Amino acid sequence: GVYGDLKGDTLDLQYRSAGQARVLTIPLTPEGEGG
């Protein structure tokens, strides 16, 4: 196991596109490692 705070926030968006509702989860990663 690895100790420490390894959990970041989760970001979900709900929006409309072409008249339909969409839901998207956006991964939040630090700059320099897939940021």
ModelCIF file with pLDDT and N, C-alpha, C, O atoms, coordinates in Angstrom:
data_MODEL
#
_entry.id   MODEL 
#
_entity.id                         1 
_entity.type                       polymer 
_entity.pdbx_number_of_molecules   1 
#
_entity_poly.entity_id                      1 
_entity_poly.type                           'polypeptide(L)' 
_entity_poly.nstd_linkage                   no 
_entity_poly.nstd_monomer                   no 
_entity_poly.pdbx_seq_one_letter_code       GVYGDLKGDTLDLQYRSAGQARVLTIPLTPEGEGG 
_entity_poly.pdbx_seq_one_letter_code_can   GVYGDLKGDTLDLQYRSAGQARVLTIPLTPEGEGG 
_entity_poly.pdbx_strand_id                 A 
#
loop_
_entity_poly_seq.entity_id 
_entity_poly_seq.num 
_entity_poly_seq.mon_id 
_entity_poly_seq.hetero 
1 1  GLY n 
1 2  VAL n 
1 3  TYR n 
1 4  GLY n 
1 5  ASP n 
1 6  LEU n 
1 7  LYS n 
1 8  GLY n 
1 9  ASP n 
1 10 THR n 
1 11 LEU n 
1 12 ASP n 
1 13 LEU n 
1 14 GLN n 
1 15 TYR n 
1 16 ARG n 
1 17 SER n 
1 18 ALA n 
1 19 GLY n 
1 20 GLN n 
1 21 ALA n 
1 22 ARG n 
1 23 VAL n 
1 24 LEU n 
1 25 THR n 
1 26 ILE n 
1 27 PRO n 
1 28 LEU n 
1 29 THR n 
1 30 PRO n 
1 31 GLU n 
1 32 GLY n 
1 33 GLU n 
1 34 GLY n 
1 35 GLY n 
#
_struct_asym.id          A 
_struct_asym.entity_id   1 
#
loop_
_ma_qa_metric.id 
_ma_qa_metric.mode 
_ma_qa_metric.name 
_ma_qa_metric.software_group_id 
_ma_qa_metric.type 
1 global pLDDT . pLDDT 
2 local  pLDDT . pLDDT 
#
_ma_qa_metric_global.metric_id      1 
_ma_qa_metric_global.metric_value   76.11 
_ma_qa_metric_global.model_id       1 
_ma_qa_metric_global.ordinal_id     1 
#
loop_
_ma_qa_metric_local.label_asym_id 
_ma_qa_metric_local.label_comp_id 
_ma_qa_metric_local.label_seq_id 
_ma_qa_metric_local.metric_id 
_ma_qa_metric_local.metric_value 
_ma_qa_metric_local.model_id 
_ma_qa_metric_local.ordinal_id 
A GLY 1  2 59.00 1 1  
A VAL 2  2 55.00 1 2  
A TYR 3  2 54.00 1 3  
A GLY 4  2 54.00 1 4  
A ASP 5  2 52.00 1 5  
A LEU 6  2 59.00 1 6  
A LYS 7  2 71.00 1 7  
A GLY 8  2 81.00 1 8  
A ASP 9  2 88.00 1 9  
A THR 10 2 88.00 1 10 
A LEU 11 2 93.00 1 11 
A ASP 12 2 94.00 1 12 
A LEU 13 2 94.00 1 13 
A GLN 14 2 96.00 1 14 
A TYR 15 2 95.00 1 15 
A ARG 16 2 95.00 1 16 
A SER 17 2 94.00 1 17 
A ALA 18 2 93.00 1 18 
A GLY 19 2 92.00 1 19 
A GLN 20 2 95.00 1 20 
A ALA 21 2 95.00 1 21 
A ARG 22 2 95.00 1 22 
A VAL 23 2 95.00 1 23 
A LEU 24 2 93.00 1 24 
A THR 25 2 91.00 1 25 
A ILE 26 2 87.00 1 26 
A PRO 27 2 81.00 1 27 
A LEU 28 2 83.00 1 28 
A THR 29 2 71.00 1 29 
A PRO 30 2 64.00 1 30 
A GLU 31 2 57.00 1 31 
A GLY 32 2 40.00 1 32 
A GLU 33 2 38.00 1 33 
A GLY 34 2 35.00 1 34 
A GLY 35 2 37.00 1 35 
#
loop_
_atom_site.group_PDB 
_atom_site.id 
_atom_site.type_symbol 
_atom_site.label_atom_id 
_atom_site.label_alt_id 
_atom_site.label_comp_id 
_atom_site.label_asym_id 
_atom_site.label_entity_id 
_atom_site.label_seq_id 
_atom_site.pdbx_PDB_ins_code 
_atom_site.Cartn_x 
_atom_site.Cartn_y 
_atom_site.Cartn_z 
_atom_site.occupancy 
_atom_site.B_iso_or_equiv 
_atom_site.pdbx_formal_charge 
_atom_site.auth_seq_id 
_atom_site.auth_comp_id 
_atom_site.auth_asym_id 
_atom_site.auth_atom_id 
_atom_site.pdbx_PDB_model_num 
ATOM 1   N N  . GLY A 1 1  ? 0.817   -1.221 0.000   1.00 59.00 ? 1  GLY A N  1 
ATOM 2   C CA . GLY A 1 1  ? 0.000   0.000  0.000   1.00 59.00 ? 1  GLY A CA 1 
ATOM 3   C C  . GLY A 1 1  ? 0.842   1.258  0.000   1.00 59.00 ? 1  GLY A C  1 
ATOM 4   O O  . GLY A 1 1  ? 1.985   1.265  0.457   1.00 59.00 ? 1  GLY A O  1 
ATOM 5   N N  . VAL A 1 2  ? 0.252   2.326  -0.524  1.00 55.00 ? 2  VAL A N  1 
ATOM 6   C CA . VAL A 1 2  ? 0.912   3.625  -0.570  1.00 55.00 ? 2  VAL A CA 1 
ATOM 7   C C  . VAL A 1 2  ? 0.102   4.576  0.295   1.00 55.00 ? 2  VAL A C  1 
ATOM 8   O O  . VAL A 1 2  ? -1.114  4.696  0.144   1.00 55.00 ? 2  VAL A O  1 
ATOM 9   N N  . TYR A 1 3  ? 0.796   5.250  1.203   1.00 54.00 ? 3  TYR A N  1 
ATOM 10  C CA . TYR A 1 3  ? 0.107   6.155  2.115   1.00 54.00 ? 3  TYR A CA 1 
ATOM 11  C C  . TYR A 1 3  ? 0.155   7.584  1.596   1.00 54.00 ? 3  TYR A C  1 
ATOM 12  O O  . TYR A 1 3  ? 1.000   7.940  0.774   1.00 54.00 ? 3  TYR A O  1 
ATOM 13  N N  . GLY A 1 4  ? -0.761  8.382  2.090   1.00 54.00 ? 4  GLY A N  1 
ATOM 14  C CA . GLY A 1 4  ? -0.832  9.779  1.686   1.00 54.00 ? 4  GLY A CA 1 
ATOM 15  C C  . GLY A 1 4  ? -2.110  10.027 0.913   1.00 54.00 ? 4  GLY A C  1 
ATOM 16  O O  . GLY A 1 4  ? -2.860  9.101  0.606   1.00 54.00 ? 4  GLY A O  1 
ATOM 17  N N  . ASP A 1 5  ? -2.345  11.280 0.608   1.00 52.00 ? 5  ASP A N  1 
ATOM 18  C CA . ASP A 1 5  ? -3.559  11.660 -0.114  1.00 52.00 ? 5  ASP A CA 1 
ATOM 19  C C  . ASP A 1 5  ? -3.341  11.444 -1.603  1.00 52.00 ? 5  ASP A C  1 
ATOM 20  O O  . ASP A 1 5  ? -2.719  12.266 -2.275  1.00 52.00 ? 5  ASP A O  1 
ATOM 21  N N  . LEU A 1 6  ? -3.857  10.335 -2.110  1.00 59.00 ? 6  LEU A N  1 
ATOM 22  C CA . LEU A 1 6  ? -3.701  10.024 -3.526  1.00 59.00 ? 6  LEU A CA 1 
ATOM 23  C C  . LEU A 1 6  ? -4.994  10.234 -4.291  1.00 59.00 ? 6  LEU A C  1 
ATOM 24  O O  . LEU A 1 6  ? -5.086  9.871  -5.464  1.00 59.00 ? 6  LEU A O  1 
ATOM 25  N N  . LYS A 1 7  ? -5.990  10.813 -3.645  1.00 71.00 ? 7  LYS A N  1 
ATOM 26  C CA . LYS A 1 7  ? -7.282  10.982 -4.291  1.00 71.00 ? 7  LYS A CA 1 
ATOM 27  C C  . LYS A 1 7  ? -7.464  12.440 -4.688  1.00 71.00 ? 7  LYS A C  1 
ATOM 28  O O  . LYS A 1 7  ? -7.305  13.344 -3.868  1.00 71.00 ? 7  LYS A O  1 
ATOM 29  N N  . GLY A 1 8  ? -7.792  12.651 -5.926  1.00 81.00 ? 8  GLY A N  1 
ATOM 30  C CA . GLY A 1 8  ? -8.106  13.989 -6.393  1.00 81.00 ? 8  GLY A CA 1 
ATOM 31  C C  . GLY A 1 8  ? -9.611  14.140 -6.540  1.00 81.00 ? 8  GLY A C  1 
ATOM 32  O O  . GLY A 1 8  ? -10.371 13.211 -6.268  1.00 81.00 ? 8  GLY A O  1 
ATOM 33  N N  . ASP A 1 9  ? -10.029 15.319 -6.971  1.00 88.00 ? 9  ASP A N  1 
ATOM 34  C CA . ASP A 1 9  ? -11.452 15.579 -7.205  1.00 88.00 ? 9  ASP A CA 1 
ATOM 35  C C  . ASP A 1 9  ? -11.909 14.865 -8.468  1.00 88.00 ? 9  ASP A C  1 
ATOM 36  O O  . ASP A 1 9  ? -11.113 14.581 -9.362  1.00 88.00 ? 9  ASP A O  1 
ATOM 37  N N  . THR A 1 10 ? -13.206 14.581 -8.525  1.00 88.00 ? 10 THR A N  1 
ATOM 38  C CA . THR A 1 10 ? -13.805 14.071 -9.756  1.00 88.00 ? 10 THR A CA 1 
ATOM 39  C C  . THR A 1 10 ? -14.677 15.178 -10.330 1.00 88.00 ? 10 THR A C  1 
ATOM 40  O O  . THR A 1 10 ? -15.344 15.896 -9.584  1.00 88.00 ? 10 THR A O  1 
ATOM 41  N N  . LEU A 1 11 ? -14.677 15.318 -11.632 1.00 93.00 ? 11 LEU A N  1 
ATOM 42  C CA . LEU A 1 11 ? -15.433 16.367 -12.313 1.00 93.00 ? 11 LEU A CA 1 
ATOM 43  C C  . LEU A 1 11 ? -16.347 15.734 -13.347 1.00 93.00 ? 11 LEU A C  1 
ATOM 44  O O  . LEU A 1 11 ? -15.890 15.044 -14.258 1.00 93.00 ? 11 LEU A O  1 
ATOM 45  N N  . ASP A 1 12 ? -17.641 15.975 -13.196 1.00 94.00 ? 12 ASP A N  1 
ATOM 46  C CA . ASP A 1 12 ? -18.642 15.514 -14.155 1.00 94.00 ? 12 ASP A CA 1 
ATOM 47  C C  . ASP A 1 12 ? -19.373 16.722 -14.710 1.00 94.00 ? 12 ASP A C  1 
ATOM 48  O O  . ASP A 1 12 ? -19.696 17.654 -13.973 1.00 94.00 ? 12 ASP A O  1 
ATOM 49  N N  . LEU A 1 13 ? -19.631 16.707 -16.004 1.00 94.00 ? 13 LEU A N  1 
ATOM 50  C CA . LEU A 1 13 ? -20.373 17.778 -16.664 1.00 94.00 ? 13 LEU A CA 1 
ATOM 51  C C  . LEU A 1 13 ? -21.643 17.211 -17.271 1.00 94.00 ? 13 LEU A C  1 
ATOM 52  O O  . LEU A 1 13 ? -21.658 16.101 -17.804 1.00 94.00 ? 13 LEU A O  1 
ATOM 53  N N  . GLN A 1 14 ? -22.692 17.984 -17.181 1.00 96.00 ? 14 GLN A N  1 
ATOM 54  C CA . GLN A 1 14 ? -23.929 17.664 -17.880 1.00 96.00 ? 14 GLN A CA 1 
ATOM 55  C C  . GLN A 1 14 ? -24.218 18.866 -18.762 1.00 96.00 ? 14 GLN A C  1 
ATOM 56  O O  . GLN A 1 14 ? -24.223 20.003 -18.289 1.00 96.00 ? 14 GLN A O  1 
ATOM 57  N N  . TYR A 1 15 ? -24.457 18.619 -20.035 1.00 95.00 ? 15 TYR A N  1 
ATOM 58  C CA . TYR A 1 15 ? -24.691 19.706 -20.993 1.00 95.00 ? 15 TYR A CA 1 
ATOM 59  C C  . TYR A 1 15 ? -25.555 19.179 -22.126 1.00 95.00 ? 15 TYR A C  1 
ATOM 60  O O  . TYR A 1 15 ? -25.885 17.994 -22.175 1.00 95.00 ? 15 TYR A O  1 
ATOM 61  N N  . ARG A 1 16 ? -25.917 20.078 -23.036 1.00 95.00 ? 16 ARG A N  1 
ATOM 62  C CA . ARG A 1 16 ? -26.706 19.686 -24.204 1.00 95.00 ? 16 ARG A CA 1 
ATOM 63  C C  . ARG A 1 16 ? -25.813 19.772 -25.428 1.00 95.00 ? 16 ARG A C  1 
ATOM 64  O O  . ARG A 1 16 ? -24.951 20.643 -25.542 1.00 95.00 ? 16 ARG A O  1 
ATOM 65  N N  . SER A 1 17 ? -26.053 18.831 -26.349 1.00 94.00 ? 17 SER A N  1 
ATOM 66  C CA . SER A 1 17 ? -25.341 18.808 -27.615 1.00 94.00 ? 17 SER A CA 1 
ATOM 67  C C  . SER A 1 17 ? -26.300 18.265 -28.663 1.00 94.00 ? 17 SER A C  1 
ATOM 68  O O  . SER A 1 17 ? -26.851 17.176 -28.508 1.00 94.00 ? 17 SER A O  1 
ATOM 69  N N  . ALA A 1 18 ? -26.493 19.024 -29.716 1.00 93.00 ? 18 ALA A N  1 
ATOM 70  C CA . ALA A 1 18 ? -27.407 18.627 -30.799 1.00 93.00 ? 18 ALA A CA 1 
ATOM 71  C C  . ALA A 1 18 ? -28.782 18.272 -30.248 1.00 93.00 ? 18 ALA A C  1 
ATOM 72  O O  . ALA A 1 18 ? -29.433 17.342 -30.724 1.00 93.00 ? 18 ALA A O  1 
ATOM 73  N N  . GLY A 1 19 ? -29.216 19.026 -29.239 1.00 92.00 ? 19 GLY A N  1 
ATOM 74  C CA . GLY A 1 19 ? -30.546 18.839 -28.678 1.00 92.00 ? 19 GLY A CA 1 
ATOM 75  C C  . GLY A 1 19 ? -30.680 17.693 -27.691 1.00 92.00 ? 19 GLY A C  1 
ATOM 76  O O  . GLY A 1 19 ? -31.774 17.441 -27.185 1.00 92.00 ? 19 GLY A O  1 
ATOM 77  N N  . GLN A 1 20 ? -29.589 16.995 -27.408 1.00 95.00 ? 20 GLN A N  1 
ATOM 78  C CA . GLN A 1 20 ? -29.650 15.870 -26.474 1.00 95.00 ? 20 GLN A CA 1 
ATOM 79  C C  . GLN A 1 20 ? -28.786 16.141 -25.250 1.00 95.00 ? 20 GLN A C  1 
ATOM 80  O O  . GLN A 1 20 ? -27.753 16.804 -25.334 1.00 95.00 ? 20 GLN A O  1 
ATOM 81  N N  . ALA A 1 21 ? -29.233 15.611 -24.099 1.00 95.00 ? 21 ALA A N  1 
ATOM 82  C CA . ALA A 1 21 ? -28.460 15.736 -22.862 1.00 95.00 ? 21 ALA A CA 1 
ATOM 83  C C  . ALA A 1 21 ? -27.254 14.807 -22.924 1.00 95.00 ? 21 ALA A C  1 
ATOM 84  O O  . ALA A 1 21 ? -27.359 13.665 -23.372 1.00 95.00 ? 21 ALA A O  1 
ATOM 85  N N  . ARG A 1 22 ? -26.125 15.301 -22.477 1.00 95.00 ? 22 ARG A N  1 
ATOM 86  C CA . ARG A 1 22 ? -24.893 14.506 -22.440 1.00 95.00 ? 22 ARG A CA 1 
ATOM 87  C C  . ARG A 1 22 ? -24.283 14.624 -21.043 1.00 95.00 ? 22 ARG A C  1 
ATOM 88  O O  . ARG A 1 22 ? -24.437 15.638 -20.362 1.00 95.00 ? 22 ARG A O  1 
ATOM 89  N N  . VAL A 1 23 ? -23.592 13.569 -20.636 1.00 95.00 ? 23 VAL A N  1 
ATOM 90  C CA . VAL A 1 23 ? -22.857 13.562 -19.381 1.00 95.00 ? 23 VAL A CA 1 
ATOM 91  C C  . VAL A 1 23 ? -21.433 13.133 -19.688 1.00 95.00 ? 23 VAL A C  1 
ATOM 92  O O  . VAL A 1 23 ? -21.210 12.173 -20.425 1.00 95.00 ? 23 VAL A O  1 
ATOM 93  N N  . LEU A 1 24 ? -20.473 13.846 -19.120 1.00 93.00 ? 24 LEU A N  1 
ATOM 94  C CA . LEU A 1 24 ? -19.065 13.579 -19.391 1.00 93.00 ? 24 LEU A CA 1 
ATOM 95  C C  . LEU A 1 24 ? -18.292 13.638 -18.086 1.00 93.00 ? 24 LEU A C  1 
ATOM 96  O O  . LEU A 1 24 ? -18.447 14.585 -17.316 1.00 93.00 ? 24 LEU A O  1 
ATOM 97  N N  . THR A 1 25 ? -17.459 12.632 -17.830 1.00 91.00 ? 25 THR A N  1 
ATOM 98  C CA . THR A 1 25 ? -16.542 12.654 -16.692 1.00 91.00 ? 25 THR A CA 1 
ATOM 99  C C  . THR A 1 25 ? -15.180 13.070 -17.218 1.00 91.00 ? 25 THR A C  1 
ATOM 100 O O  . THR A 1 25 ? -14.660 12.471 -18.160 1.00 91.00 ? 25 THR A O  1 
ATOM 101 N N  . ILE A 1 26 ? -14.605 14.099 -16.606 1.00 87.00 ? 26 ILE A N  1 
ATOM 102 C CA . ILE A 1 26 ? -13.317 14.625 -17.054 1.00 87.00 ? 26 ILE A CA 1 
ATOM 103 C C  . ILE A 1 26 ? -12.248 14.219 -16.052 1.00 87.00 ? 26 ILE A C  1 
ATOM 104 O O  . ILE A 1 26 ? -12.336 14.583 -14.879 1.00 87.00 ? 26 ILE A O  1 
ATOM 105 N N  . PRO A 1 27 ? -11.238 13.473 -16.490 1.00 81.00 ? 27 PRO A N  1 
ATOM 106 C CA . PRO A 1 27 ? -10.150 13.104 -15.574 1.00 81.00 ? 27 PRO A CA 1 
ATOM 107 C C  . PRO A 1 27 ? -9.274  14.314 -15.282 1.00 81.00 ? 27 PRO A C  1 
ATOM 108 O O  . PRO A 1 27 ? -8.879  15.039 -16.195 1.00 81.00 ? 27 PRO A O  1 
ATOM 109 N N  . LEU A 1 28 ? -8.978  14.523 -14.028 1.00 83.00 ? 28 LEU A N  1 
ATOM 110 C CA . LEU A 1 28 ? -8.110  15.623 -13.617 1.00 83.00 ? 28 LEU A CA 1 
ATOM 111 C C  . LEU A 1 28 ? -6.765  15.038 -13.229 1.00 83.00 ? 28 LEU A C  1 
ATOM 112 O O  . LEU A 1 28 ? -6.659  14.290 -12.257 1.00 83.00 ? 28 LEU A O  1 
ATOM 113 N N  . THR A 1 29 ? -5.740  15.381 -13.993 1.00 71.00 ? 29 THR A N  1 
ATOM 114 C CA . THR A 1 29 ? -4.407  14.877 -13.714 1.00 71.00 ? 29 THR A CA 1 
ATOM 115 C C  . THR A 1 29 ? -3.445  16.046 -13.663 1.00 71.00 ? 29 THR A C  1 
ATOM 116 O O  . THR A 1 29 ? -3.680  17.070 -14.306 1.00 71.00 ? 29 THR A O  1 
ATOM 117 N N  . PRO A 1 30 ? -2.363  15.911 -12.908 1.00 64.00 ? 30 PRO A N  1 
ATOM 118 C CA . PRO A 1 30 ? -1.413  17.012 -12.795 1.00 64.00 ? 30 PRO A CA 1 
ATOM 119 C C  . PRO A 1 30 ? -0.680  17.279 -14.094 1.00 64.00 ? 30 PRO A C  1 
ATOM 120 O O  . PRO A 1 30 ? -0.524  16.401 -14.942 1.00 64.00 ? 30 PRO A O  1 
ATOM 121 N N  . GLU A 1 31 ? -0.241  18.506 -14.221 1.00 57.00 ? 31 GLU A N  1 
ATOM 122 C CA . GLU A 1 31 ? 0.547   18.909 -15.374 1.00 57.00 ? 31 GLU A CA 1 
ATOM 123 C C  . GLU A 1 31 ? 1.838   18.103 -15.393 1.00 57.00 ? 31 GLU A C  1 
ATOM 124 O O  . GLU A 1 31 ? 2.453   17.886 -14.348 1.00 57.00 ? 31 GLU A O  1 
ATOM 125 N N  . GLY A 1 32 ? 2.240   17.671 -16.545 1.00 40.00 ? 32 GLY A N  1 
ATOM 126 C CA . GLY A 1 32 ? 3.469   16.917 -16.660 1.00 40.00 ? 32 GLY A CA 1 
ATOM 127 C C  . GLY A 1 32 ? 3.248   15.413 -16.592 1.00 40.00 ? 32 GLY A C  1 
ATOM 128 O O  . GLY A 1 32 ? 4.144   14.654 -16.962 1.00 40.00 ? 32 GLY A O  1 
ATOM 129 N N  . GLU A 1 33 ? 2.091   14.959 -16.134 1.00 38.00 ? 33 GLU A N  1 
ATOM 130 C CA . GLU A 1 33 ? 1.784   13.527 -16.123 1.00 38.00 ? 33 GLU A CA 1 
ATOM 131 C C  . GLU A 1 33 ? 0.389   13.355 -16.702 1.00 38.00 ? 33 GLU A C  1 
ATOM 132 O O  . GLU A 1 33 ? -0.533  12.923 -16.011 1.00 38.00 ? 33 GLU A O  1 
ATOM 133 N N  . GLY A 1 34 ? 0.243   13.695 -17.970 1.00 35.00 ? 34 GLY A N  1 
ATOM 134 C CA . GLY A 1 34 ? -1.077  13.621 -18.601 1.00 35.00 ? 34 GLY A CA 1 
ATOM 135 C C  . GLY A 1 34 ? -1.942  14.776 -18.160 1.00 35.00 ? 34 GLY A C  1 
ATOM 136 O O  . GLY A 1 34 ? -3.159  14.620 -18.068 1.00 35.00 ? 34 GLY A O  1 
ATOM 137 N N  . GLY A 1 35 ? -1.354  15.947 -17.879 1.00 37.00 ? 35 GLY A N  1 
ATOM 138 C CA . GLY A 1 35 ? -2.073  17.057 -17.279 1.00 37.00 ? 35 GLY A CA 1 
ATOM 139 C C  . GLY A 1 35 ? -3.044  17.771 -18.189 1.00 37.00 ? 35 GLY A C  1 
ATOM 140 O O  . GLY A 1 35 ? -3.698  18.725 -17.767 1.00 37.00 ? 35 GLY A O  1 
#
